[in-house]
Amino acid sequence: MEHDFYCENVLNGKVFVNIEYETENILAFRHTHPTWSFHIVVIPKKHIRDLLEIEDGEIIKEIFEVIALLIKKHNLQKTNFKIVSNGGSFQDSKHIHFHLLSGEVIKKL
């Protein structure tokens, strides 16, 4: 079985996360081991392995609506930000997720 940190630990409450924003379908929270001074992870609550498994484009639309809301909430548009997602062997946890990053790198992977 493939490792899915988000289903196995976050969505079932085994690991505490500091929630930034939540909808019926999406959870956005502070990264548990941030590598940037501002580091939020945005995930769908439904298990979707990666971009290739998306059957309903509405989930991606909602994810990016939440990301845009967080950018505005934290005034990141006035400083800097990047949105990162990984796939294939770069994807440690086999659950689609997006990192909203800003500020400075605090830890290199």
Protein backbone atom coordinates (compact mmCIF):
# COMPACT_ATOMS: atom_id res chain seq x y z
CA MET A 1 0.00 0.00 0.00
CA GLU A 2 1.22 3.49 -0.82
CA HIS A 3 1.88 5.99 1.95
CA ASP A 4 -0.84 8.63 2.34
CA PHE A 5 0.05 10.86 5.28
CA TYR A 6 -3.07 12.98 4.80
CA CYS A 7 -5.64 10.17 4.93
CA GLU A 8 -3.70 8.08 7.45
CA ASN A 9 -2.88 10.88 9.89
CA VAL A 10 -4.39 14.30 9.21
CA LEU A 11 -7.94 13.60 8.06
CA ASN A 12 -8.53 10.98 10.75
CA GLY A 13 -7.16 13.20 13.54
CA LYS A 14 -4.08 11.13 14.49
CA VAL A 15 -1.87 14.17 13.89
CA PHE A 16 -2.88 17.60 15.18
CA VAL A 17 -2.79 20.33 12.55
CA ASN A 18 -3.30 24.07 12.87
CA ILE A 19 -6.23 24.63 10.49
CA GLU A 20 -6.11 27.81 8.42
CA TYR A 21 -9.31 27.23 6.45
CA GLU A 22 -11.79 24.43 5.93
CA THR A 23 -14.74 23.71 3.67
CA GLU A 24 -16.84 20.60 3.23
CA ASN A 25 -14.33 19.35 0.64
CA ILE A 26 -11.02 21.08 1.39
CA LEU A 27 -8.66 21.38 4.35
CA ALA A 28 -5.88 23.99 4.55
CA PHE A 29 -3.47 23.81 7.46
CA ARG A 30 -0.02 24.91 8.60
CA HIS A 31 2.59 22.39 7.51
CA THR A 32 3.63 20.11 10.38
CA HIS A 33 7.33 20.47 9.45
CA PRO A 34 7.54 23.73 7.47
CA THR A 35 10.40 24.43 5.11
CA TRP A 36 9.37 28.06 4.52
CA SER A 37 8.57 30.81 7.04
CA PHE A 38 4.98 30.69 5.71
CA HIS A 39 3.96 27.16 4.71
CA ILE A 40 0.37 26.00 4.31
CA VAL A 41 -0.77 22.68 2.83
CA VAL A 42 -4.10 22.49 0.96
CA ILE A 43 -5.71 19.08 0.39
CA PRO A 44 -9.01 17.64 -0.73
CA LYS A 45 -10.75 15.67 2.02
CA LYS A 46 -11.58 12.98 -0.50
CA HIS A 47 -8.67 10.72 -1.38
CA ILE A 48 -7.29 11.61 -4.79
CA ARG A 49 -3.87 10.13 -5.45
CA ASP A 50 -2.61 12.71 -7.95
CA LEU A 51 -3.62 15.06 -10.77
CA LEU A 52 -4.18 12.13 -13.13
CA GLU A 53 -6.94 10.75 -10.89
CA ILE A 54 -9.09 13.88 -10.88
CA GLU A 55 -12.49 13.03 -12.28
CA ASP A 56 -14.27 16.24 -11.30
CA GLY A 57 -12.56 19.53 -12.10
CA GLU A 58 -14.67 21.26 -9.44
CA ILE A 59 -12.32 19.98 -6.73
CA ILE A 60 -9.33 21.73 -8.33
CA LYS A 61 -11.41 24.88 -8.73
CA GLU A 62 -12.29 24.78 -5.03
CA ILE A 63 -8.68 24.10 -4.01
CA PHE A 64 -7.51 27.18 -5.92
CA GLU A 65 -10.37 29.28 -4.54
CA VAL A 66 -9.15 28.38 -1.04
CA ILE A 67 -5.55 29.16 -2.02
CA ALA A 68 -6.62 32.56 -3.41
CA LEU A 69 -8.54 33.29 -0.21
CA LEU A 70 -5.43 32.47 1.86
CA ILE A 71 -3.24 34.67 -0.34
CA LYS A 72 -5.62 37.57 0.26
CA LYS A 73 -6.10 36.79 3.98
CA HIS A 74 -2.34 36.94 4.58
CA ASN A 75 -1.61 39.77 2.06
CA LEU A 76 0.86 37.55 0.25
CA GLN A 77 0.19 39.32 -3.05
CA LYS A 78 2.07 42.30 -1.59
CA THR A 79 5.17 40.27 -0.75
CA ASN A 80 5.84 36.91 -2.41
CA PHE A 81 4.28 33.50 -2.73
CA LYS A 82 4.47 30.31 -4.70
CA ILE A 83 2.18 27.32 -5.10
CA VAL A 84 3.87 23.92 -5.40
CA SER A 85 2.56 20.43 -6.09
CA ASN A 86 4.53 17.28 -6.74
CA GLY A 87 3.91 14.15 -8.76
CA GLY A 88 5.48 10.80 -9.53
CA SER A 89 8.56 10.02 -7.48
CA PHE A 90 8.62 13.62 -6.16
CA GLN A 91 5.31 13.01 -4.35
CA ASP A 92 6.09 11.51 -0.91
CA SER A 93 2.48 11.25 0.21
CA LYS A 94 0.21 9.71 -2.41
CA HIS A 95 -2.63 12.20 -1.87
CA ILE A 96 -2.84 15.28 -4.07
CA HIS A 97 -1.79 18.36 -2.14
CA PHE A 98 -0.58 21.88 -2.76
CA HIS A 99 1.91 23.91 -0.75
CA LEU A 100 1.34 27.65 -0.42
CA LEU A 101 4.75 29.11 0.39
CA SER A 102 5.92 32.60 1.21
CA GLY A 103 8.71 34.39 3.01
CA GLU A 104 12.06 32.70 3.35
CA VAL A 105 13.30 29.13 3.11
CA ILE A 106 13.97 27.96 6.67
CA LYS A 107 14.93 24.35 5.97
CA LYS A 108 16.28 22.71 2.85
CA LEU A 109 14.93 19.26 2.03
